[in-house]
Protein backbone atom coordinates (compact mmCIF):
# COMPACT_ATOMS: atom_id res chain seq x y z
CA MET A 1 140.89 80.53 59.25
CA SER A 2 139.27 81.04 55.86
CA VAL A 3 139.60 78.92 52.74
CA ALA A 4 138.16 81.09 50.01
CA LEU A 5 137.35 79.41 46.71
CA ALA A 6 135.40 82.36 45.41
CA GLY A 7 132.97 85.06 46.44
CA THR A 8 132.82 87.83 48.96
CA GLY A 9 130.09 89.58 50.86
CA VAL A 10 128.23 89.84 54.11
CA VAL A 11 127.53 86.58 55.86
CA ALA A 12 123.84 85.75 56.13
CA VAL A 13 123.03 83.00 58.66
CA ALA A 14 119.78 81.22 57.97
CA PRO A 15 117.34 80.77 60.85
CA VAL A 16 116.92 77.03 60.18
CA ALA A 17 119.42 74.29 59.34
CA LEU A 18 120.14 74.43 55.64
CA GLY A 19 121.72 71.76 53.48
CA GLU A 20 124.06 72.38 50.57
CA ALA A 21 121.37 72.77 47.89
CA ALA A 22 119.06 74.97 49.99
CA ALA A 23 121.90 77.26 51.10
CA SER A 24 123.15 77.61 47.52
CA ALA A 25 119.70 78.55 46.25
CA LEU A 26 119.22 81.09 49.03
CA ALA A 27 122.66 82.63 48.38
CA ARG A 28 121.82 83.14 44.69
CA GLU A 29 118.46 84.65 45.61
CA ARG A 30 119.88 87.07 48.19
CA GLY A 31 123.14 87.83 46.37
CA GLU A 32 125.13 87.19 49.57
CA ARG A 33 126.84 84.34 51.39
CA VAL A 34 124.59 81.97 53.36
CA GLU A 35 125.82 79.41 55.87
CA ALA A 36 124.90 75.79 55.12
CA THR A 37 124.18 75.18 58.80
CA ALA A 38 123.37 71.51 58.31
CA LEU A 39 126.99 70.97 57.25
CA ARG A 40 128.50 72.54 60.37
CA ALA A 41 130.90 70.18 62.12
CA GLY A 42 132.46 71.45 65.33
CA ALA A 43 134.36 74.61 64.47
CA ASP A 44 134.08 74.12 60.71
CA ARG A 45 131.52 76.12 58.80
CA VAL A 46 130.54 76.01 55.13
CA PHE A 47 129.07 78.97 53.25
CA ALA A 48 127.29 78.96 49.91
CA ASN A 49 128.33 81.84 47.65
CA PRO A 50 126.05 83.63 45.17
CA ASP A 51 128.10 82.29 42.23
CA GLY A 52 127.37 78.67 43.16
CA THR A 53 130.71 77.93 44.83
CA PHE A 54 131.26 77.15 48.50
CA THR A 55 133.61 78.65 51.09
CA ALA A 56 134.88 76.64 54.05
CA GLU A 57 135.87 78.49 57.20
CA GLN A 58 137.40 77.18 60.39
CA LEU A 59 137.26 78.80 63.79
CA THR A 60 139.97 78.58 66.42
CA THR A 61 138.94 78.29 70.06
CA VAL A 62 141.08 78.97 73.13
CA ARG A 63 140.22 78.62 76.78
CA PRO A 64 141.70 80.79 79.55
CA ASP A 65 144.99 79.65 81.03
CA ARG A 66 144.41 81.81 84.10
CA TRP A 67 141.42 83.46 85.74
CA ALA A 68 140.66 85.41 88.88
CA VAL A 69 137.67 86.58 90.89
CA VAL A 70 137.97 89.72 93.01
CA SER A 71 135.62 90.41 95.93
CA SER A 72 134.68 93.59 97.76
CA ARG A 73 134.22 91.48 100.90
CA THR A 74 137.87 90.34 100.91
CA PRO A 75 139.49 93.29 99.12
CA LYS A 76 143.10 92.22 99.69
CA GLN A 77 142.72 88.50 99.01
CA PRO A 78 143.58 87.01 95.60
CA ASP A 79 141.30 84.27 94.26
CA HIS A 80 142.96 82.64 91.26
CA ASN A 81 141.94 79.68 89.11
CA ARG A 82 139.13 78.58 91.41
CA ASP A 83 137.53 75.21 90.65
CA GLY A 84 133.99 76.44 91.13
CA PRO A 85 131.92 79.00 89.21
CA VAL A 86 133.12 82.55 88.67
CA THR A 87 130.75 85.35 89.61
CA ILE A 88 129.90 89.00 89.01
CA GLY A 89 127.60 91.46 90.75
CA LEU A 90 126.14 91.61 94.27
CA ASP A 91 125.68 88.38 96.19
CA GLY A 92 122.89 89.36 98.62
CA GLU A 93 123.58 86.53 101.03
CA ARG A 94 127.31 87.23 101.40
CA TRP A 95 126.88 90.94 100.74
CA GLU A 96 129.81 91.10 98.38
CA VAL A 97 130.32 92.38 94.87
CA THR A 98 132.54 90.32 92.59
CA ARG A 99 134.19 90.81 89.24
CA SER A 100 135.94 88.14 87.13
CA PHE A 101 138.94 88.15 84.80
CA PHE A 102 140.10 85.63 82.16
CA GLY A 103 143.58 85.52 80.61
CA PHE A 104 144.07 84.00 77.15
CA ASP A 105 147.10 82.96 75.12
CA LEU A 106 146.64 84.49 71.65
CA SER A 107 150.05 83.59 70.25
CA ARG A 108 148.47 81.60 67.41
CA LEU A 109 146.74 84.79 66.24
CA ARG A 110 149.88 86.88 65.77
CA GLY A 111 149.96 88.35 62.29
CA LYS A 112 146.37 87.28 61.60
CA GLN A 113 143.51 89.38 60.33
CA ILE A 114 140.74 89.04 62.92
CA LEU A 115 137.33 88.67 61.28
CA GLU A 116 135.17 88.09 64.35
CA SER A 117 135.62 86.80 67.87
CA ARG A 118 133.15 85.85 70.58
CA LEU A 119 133.46 84.87 74.23
CA TYR A 120 131.08 82.02 75.05
CA LEU A 121 130.18 81.54 78.71
CA ASP A 122 127.96 78.96 80.38
CA GLN A 123 125.69 81.02 82.60
CA THR A 124 124.80 78.85 85.57
CA GLY A 125 123.05 81.23 87.97
CA THR A 126 121.32 84.61 88.27
CA GLY A 127 119.91 86.73 91.04
CA SER A 128 116.77 87.41 89.03
CA CYS A 129 115.14 86.32 85.80
CA ARG A 130 114.67 89.99 84.95
CA PRO A 131 117.34 90.77 82.31
CA SER A 132 120.26 92.88 83.46
CA ALA A 133 123.37 93.96 81.58
CA ILE A 134 126.63 92.02 81.65
CA GLU A 135 129.68 94.02 80.58
CA LEU A 136 132.75 92.62 78.86
CA TRP A 137 135.93 94.70 79.10
CA HIS A 138 139.44 94.60 77.73
CA THR A 139 141.63 94.88 80.82
CA GLY A 140 145.23 94.79 81.90
CA PRO A 141 146.76 91.41 82.79
CA VAL A 142 146.00 89.31 85.84
CA ASP A 143 148.97 88.64 88.14
CA GLN A 144 149.52 86.83 91.44
CA ASP A 145 148.53 89.92 93.43
CA THR A 146 145.25 90.60 91.64
CA SER A 147 142.56 91.42 94.19
CA TRP A 148 139.70 93.88 94.63
CA GLU A 149 142.18 96.55 95.71
CA ARG A 150 144.69 95.60 92.99
CA GLN A 151 142.49 95.06 89.96
CA PRO A 152 143.88 95.14 86.40
CA GLU A 153 143.26 98.38 84.57
CA TRP A 154 139.84 98.45 82.91
CA LEU A 155 140.94 99.62 79.46
CA SER A 156 137.80 99.64 77.33
CA LYS A 157 134.34 98.14 77.27
CA VAL A 158 133.97 95.86 74.25
CA ASP A 159 130.41 94.53 74.68
CA SER A 160 127.37 94.63 76.92
CA LYS A 161 124.40 92.27 76.81
CA GLU A 162 121.29 91.82 78.92
CA ALA A 163 120.92 88.21 80.02
CA SER A 164 119.60 86.44 83.10
CA TRP A 165 119.62 82.66 83.03
CA GLY A 166 120.17 80.00 85.64
CA ALA A 167 117.20 80.23 88.00
CA PRO A 168 113.70 78.70 88.19
CA GLY A 169 111.76 80.12 85.27
CA CYS A 170 114.90 81.07 83.31
CA PRO A 171 116.99 77.89 82.82
CA ALA A 172 120.78 78.03 82.44
CA ARG A 173 122.06 78.55 78.92
CA PRO A 174 125.17 79.79 77.09
CA LEU A 175 125.90 83.47 76.60
CA ALA A 176 127.91 84.96 73.72
CA LEU A 177 129.66 88.33 73.98
CA GLU A 178 131.43 90.07 71.10
CA ALA A 179 135.19 90.28 71.72
CA GLY A 180 136.57 91.09 68.27
CA VAL A 181 137.76 94.60 69.15
CA ALA A 182 139.77 93.34 72.11
CA VAL A 183 141.21 90.35 70.25
CA THR A 184 142.27 92.56 67.36
CA ALA A 185 143.99 94.98 69.74
CA ALA A 186 145.80 92.23 71.65
CA ALA A 187 146.62 89.68 68.93
CA GLU A 188 150.13 90.94 68.19
CA SER A 189 151.10 90.90 71.87
CA GLY A 190 149.98 87.29 72.18
CA ARG A 191 148.08 87.87 75.45
CA LEU A 192 144.58 89.09 76.22
CA THR A 193 142.75 89.57 79.50
CA LEU A 194 138.99 90.05 79.50
CA GLY A 195 137.10 91.39 82.49
CA LEU A 196 133.47 90.60 83.29
CA ARG A 197 131.25 92.66 85.59
CA ALA A 198 127.62 93.62 86.08
CA GLU A 199 126.51 97.00 84.82
CA ARG A 200 124.48 97.65 87.99
CA GLU A 201 126.72 95.62 90.22
CA TRP A 202 125.24 96.82 93.55
CA ASN A 203 121.80 95.57 92.50
CA ARG A 204 121.03 92.10 93.92
CA GLY A 205 119.22 91.05 90.75
CA ALA A 206 122.36 91.64 88.68
CA TRP A 207 124.35 88.83 90.33
CA LYS A 208 125.47 86.14 87.86
CA SER A 209 127.54 82.97 87.98
CA PHE A 210 129.35 81.25 85.10
CA GLY A 211 131.42 78.16 84.47
CA ASN A 212 135.15 78.80 84.87
CA ALA A 213 136.12 77.64 81.36
CA PRO A 214 134.69 80.12 78.84
CA ARG A 215 135.57 79.69 75.16
CA LEU A 216 137.08 82.48 73.09
CA THR A 217 136.25 81.54 69.50
CA THR A 218 137.84 83.51 66.69
CA ASP A 219 137.44 83.49 62.93
CA TYR A 220 140.62 84.82 61.37
CA ASN A 221 142.38 85.13 58.06
CA SER A 222 146.10 84.74 57.53
CA VAL A 223 147.55 87.42 55.31
CA PRO A 224 149.05 85.67 52.26
CA GLY A 225 152.78 85.12 52.50
CA LYS A 226 155.55 86.55 50.39
CA PRO A 227 155.77 84.65 47.07
CA VAL A 228 158.81 82.42 46.66
CA ARG A 229 160.83 80.75 43.88
CA GLN A 230 160.56 83.55 41.35
CA ARG A 231 161.45 82.39 37.87
CA VAL A 232 161.62 83.72 34.36
CA ASP A 233 160.83 80.92 31.94
CA ILE A 234 162.85 78.07 33.54
CA MET A 235 165.55 80.24 35.12
CA ASP A 236 165.53 81.17 38.81
CA CYS A 237 165.76 84.86 39.59
CA PRO A 238 169.14 85.80 41.09
CA GLU A 239 169.51 87.57 44.41
CA PRO A 240 169.46 91.37 43.98
CA PRO A 241 171.34 93.16 42.52
CA GLY A 242 171.91 90.31 40.04
CA GLU A 243 169.95 90.20 36.82
CA LEU A 244 168.83 87.69 34.23
CA ILE A 245 169.72 88.26 30.58
CA LEU A 246 167.08 87.00 28.15
CA PHE A 247 166.83 86.76 24.40
CA THR A 248 163.04 87.25 24.41
CA PRO A 249 161.33 90.51 25.44
CA ALA A 250 158.12 88.61 26.30
CA PRO A 251 159.11 85.86 28.76
CA ARG A 252 156.91 83.91 31.13
CA LEU A 253 157.08 85.10 34.77
CA ARG A 254 156.48 82.60 37.58
CA ALA A 255 156.39 82.51 41.37
CA ASP A 256 155.00 80.08 43.97
CA MET A 257 152.13 81.36 46.11
CA VAL A 258 152.13 81.01 49.90
CA ASP A 259 149.05 81.14 52.16
CA ALA A 260 149.09 79.67 55.67
CA ASP A 261 145.33 79.01 55.57
CA GLY A 262 145.53 77.09 52.30
CA ASP A 263 143.41 79.74 50.58
CA TRP A 264 143.25 80.05 46.83
CA VAL A 265 144.75 83.42 45.97
CA ASP A 266 145.13 85.86 43.12
CA ALA A 267 148.66 86.81 42.07
CA GLU A 268 149.23 90.46 41.18
CA PHE A 269 152.26 90.91 38.90
CA GLU A 270 153.75 94.28 37.96
CA TRP A 271 156.82 95.38 36.01
CA TRP A 272 158.79 98.59 36.19
CA ALA A 273 161.45 100.32 34.10
CA ASN A 274 163.41 103.52 34.74
CA GLY A 275 161.77 104.00 38.13
CA SER A 276 158.19 103.91 36.86
CA LYS A 277 155.53 101.22 36.66
CA VAL A 278 155.05 100.08 33.07
CA GLY A 279 152.27 97.56 33.49
CA GLY A 280 150.82 94.62 35.36
CA VAL A 281 148.37 91.74 35.26
CA THR A 282 146.66 89.45 37.79
CA ALA A 283 146.52 85.66 37.63
CA THR A 284 143.48 84.30 39.50
CA ASN A 285 142.58 81.26 41.60
CA ILE A 286 146.04 79.92 42.43
CA PRO A 287 146.15 77.20 45.14
CA ASP A 288 148.56 77.57 48.05
CA GLY A 289 151.99 76.17 47.13
CA PHE A 290 151.35 76.26 43.39
CA PRO A 291 153.00 78.59 40.86
CA ALA A 292 151.27 81.60 39.37
CA ASP A 293 152.55 82.44 35.93
CA ILE A 294 151.82 85.01 33.29
CA CYS A 295 153.34 85.84 29.91
CA LEU A 296 154.68 89.35 29.58
CA PRO A 297 152.79 91.03 26.72
CA ARG A 298 154.65 91.46 23.46
CA GLY A 299 155.59 94.97 22.45
CA VAL A 300 156.19 96.23 25.99
CA PHE A 301 159.95 95.68 25.93
CA ALA A 302 162.50 95.27 23.17
CA HIS A 303 166.21 94.66 22.59
CA GLU A 304 168.37 96.35 25.25
CA SER A 305 165.37 96.97 27.56
CA VAL A 306 166.05 96.65 31.29
CA PHE A 307 163.12 96.03 33.63
CA SER A 308 162.26 94.54 37.02
CA TRP A 309 159.15 92.67 38.12
CA ARG A 310 157.57 91.54 41.37
CA VAL A 311 154.40 89.77 42.52
CA ARG A 312 152.18 89.56 45.58
CA ALA A 313 149.27 87.33 46.63
CA LYS A 314 145.74 88.40 47.53
CA ASP A 315 143.01 86.34 49.14
CA ARG A 316 139.44 87.54 49.46
CA LEU A 317 140.26 89.60 52.56
CA ALA A 318 143.90 90.63 52.58
CA THR A 319 146.89 91.43 50.40
CA GLY A 320 150.28 89.94 51.18
CA PRO A 321 153.73 91.53 50.89
CA TRP A 322 155.52 92.01 47.59
CA SER A 323 158.12 89.52 46.50
CA GLU A 324 161.71 90.54 45.85
CA TRP A 325 162.44 92.42 42.66
CA CYS A 326 163.67 90.27 39.78
CA ALA A 327 165.79 92.27 37.33
CA VAL A 328 165.83 91.37 33.64
CA ARG A 329 167.92 92.62 30.72
CA VAL A 330 166.74 91.89 27.18
CA ASP A 331 169.33 91.01 24.56
CA SER A 332 167.53 89.77 21.47
CA GLN A 333 170.35 90.45 19.02
CA ASN A 334 172.58 87.60 17.84
CA PRO A 335 176.37 88.06 17.86
CA HIS A 336 177.16 89.71 14.53
CA SER A 337 180.24 87.66 13.63
CA ALA A 338 181.15 84.00 13.60
CA PRO A 339 183.99 83.20 15.99
CA ALA A 340 187.58 82.98 14.80
CA VAL A 341 189.30 79.59 15.15
CA SER A 342 193.03 78.89 15.06
CA SER A 343 195.37 75.96 15.74
CA ALA A 344 199.18 75.76 15.61
CA GLU A 345 199.02 71.98 15.08
CA TYR A 346 196.25 72.05 12.46
CA PRO A 347 196.30 75.35 10.53
CA GLU A 348 193.13 76.12 8.60
CA GLY A 349 193.08 74.68 5.07
CA LYS A 350 196.25 72.62 5.60
CA TRP A 351 196.92 68.86 5.54
CA GLN A 352 198.96 67.19 8.25
CA PRO A 353 200.78 63.84 8.01
CA TRP A 354 199.70 60.57 9.59
CA PRO A 355 199.69 59.62 12.44
CA PRO A 356 197.50 62.42 13.82
CA LYS A 357 198.57 64.32 16.88
CA THR A 358 196.65 66.13 19.55
CA GLY A 359 195.92 69.71 18.62
CA THR A 360 194.88 72.78 20.58
CA PHE A 361 192.13 74.86 18.93
CA VAL A 362 191.61 78.43 20.11
CA PHE A 363 188.20 80.11 19.76
CA SER A 364 188.11 83.94 19.68
CA PRO A 365 185.14 86.34 19.69
CA ASN A 366 186.10 88.04 16.41
CA GLY A 367 184.91 91.49 17.46
CA VAL A 368 181.87 90.37 19.49
CA THR A 369 182.01 91.87 23.00
CA ASP A 370 179.55 89.73 24.98
CA VAL A 371 180.55 86.12 24.27
CA VAL A 372 180.16 83.85 27.31
CA GLU A 373 180.41 80.41 25.74
CA TYR A 374 181.37 78.46 22.62
CA SER A 375 179.80 75.32 21.25
CA TRP A 376 181.78 73.06 18.90
CA GLN A 377 181.28 69.87 16.93
CA ALA A 378 183.84 67.76 15.02
CA LEU A 379 183.16 65.77 11.87
CA THR A 380 184.16 62.66 13.81
CA GLY A 381 181.41 63.21 16.42
CA GLU A 382 183.26 64.80 19.30
CA GLY A 383 181.91 68.11 20.58
CA GLY A 384 180.76 70.11 23.54
CA ARG A 385 180.53 73.51 25.14
CA VAL A 386 183.32 75.55 26.68
CA PRO A 387 183.03 78.82 28.65
CA ALA A 388 184.78 81.92 27.42
CA GLY A 389 187.47 83.43 29.61
CA PRO A 390 187.67 87.08 30.71
CA ASP A 391 189.20 88.03 27.33
CA GLY A 392 186.38 86.28 25.45
CA THR A 393 188.54 83.36 24.23
CA ALA A 394 188.43 79.64 24.94
CA SER A 395 190.38 76.58 23.80
CA ILE A 396 189.90 72.85 23.43
CA VAL A 397 192.17 69.92 22.66
CA TYR A 398 191.16 67.49 19.93
CA THR A 399 192.87 64.46 18.37
CA PRO A 400 191.66 63.39 14.91
CA THR A 401 190.95 59.66 14.57
CA MET A 402 190.94 59.20 10.80
CA ALA A 403 192.80 60.28 7.68
CA ARG A 404 190.57 62.43 5.53
CA PRO A 405 189.33 66.00 5.16
CA LEU A 406 188.12 67.14 8.58
CA TRP A 407 186.37 70.13 10.14
CA LEU A 408 185.22 71.70 13.38
CA GLU A 409 182.00 73.70 13.44
CA VAL A 410 181.95 76.44 16.11
CA TYR A 411 179.54 79.15 17.16
CA SER A 412 179.64 81.61 20.05
CA GLN A 413 176.80 82.41 22.43
CA ASP A 414 176.00 85.44 24.58
CA ALA A 415 174.47 85.47 28.08
CA ALA A 416 170.95 85.58 26.67
CA GLY A 417 171.53 82.42 24.64
CA ASN A 418 171.76 84.16 21.26
CA ARG A 419 173.99 82.30 18.83
CA SER A 420 176.46 83.69 16.34
CA PRO A 421 176.78 82.58 12.71
CA LEU A 422 178.48 79.21 12.37
CA LYS A 423 182.21 78.97 11.65
CA ARG A 424 183.42 75.82 9.84
CA TYR A 425 187.14 75.37 10.35
CA GLU A 426 188.53 72.94 7.74
CA PHE A 427 191.77 70.97 7.80
CA GLY A 428 192.87 67.43 6.96
CA VAL A 429 195.05 64.43 7.82
CA ARG A 430 196.82 62.49 5.00
CA PRO A 431 196.82 58.72 4.94
CA GLY A 432 200.03 57.13 6.24
């Protein structure tokens, strides 16, 4: 797993333990990442970047959940999950050649980008201190019938290394074999079997023994996730094929970034109209779970423009999937006419006797075709908002509370929030 704060490049591992300051200086000098080996803690590694920042990386390690040794001396006999060492090559005393297999659960690596992977074995014995090649293969799976005569298919050789440790004059020590090709090929299936054998397996000096719990250690990167919670200004994007209607042609676009590794990511925005890309911009260094936002440049769109935008996240190694499209329609023109207001109980410009009665006031669009709402306010303080019906009209009930000249002020509003001119509807109630 990689947590990239900044920087890219080839990893350079220093030959001696380096602290934070020394690694940073060396990275600037070389122009490439250098591991601060003195800061290594278990599977965690820290790299100094040439720009002075640091990158933390974490390795995941799995051990085999099944293993088997097959022997030419007992060609039909399975030997699974033995407690003792596993072996390869020719045992001169028993006059048998053995090969070993290890099965791993890689389910945690599904969907991951494999950066590197190594199989670490504890070599405990050798037939000779003269180096001889050990081969690591990607094989078919081990099952209950695995034996010399029923070996898994040897699919491809992934590494070979000369090593002979575990005898007087060549003390036991760990061995690391590159397994990245096999892990990459098997990650999506969730299972991997690795086979180990000697290159010259009928040579007595090529015999080797190993501990039965090798470690498969993998450095991986999670591809950034699909951005979520797309918004335009403060409004959530509707599910397609819905669209937002805005009064401004240069809104702020927002979406929350998702990265399973907790990487900081860049957010690539783009906007399209009439089937073609119109433009785009990238917001940088966005933490996982935080919103990326950009302001659409002015002059790109105007009144009656229709466009759609989307965004995706990029870490230093991979690019995630695009978000959903968010469709936007620009309506920057105010309704051209003030609404019409009428009331049977309180006709405009007329006085009514005391005591006042409840009146119904009808609001009409007055030739405006896209009214969605009316806002109203009475001289006496009452007011509110009322949605327009399918025919564009709405009504309220209002009871005056005093005898005097009165009025209602009303304006209409379209879906983009544009307001019409104000209509003042005047009437009065005579004293009793």
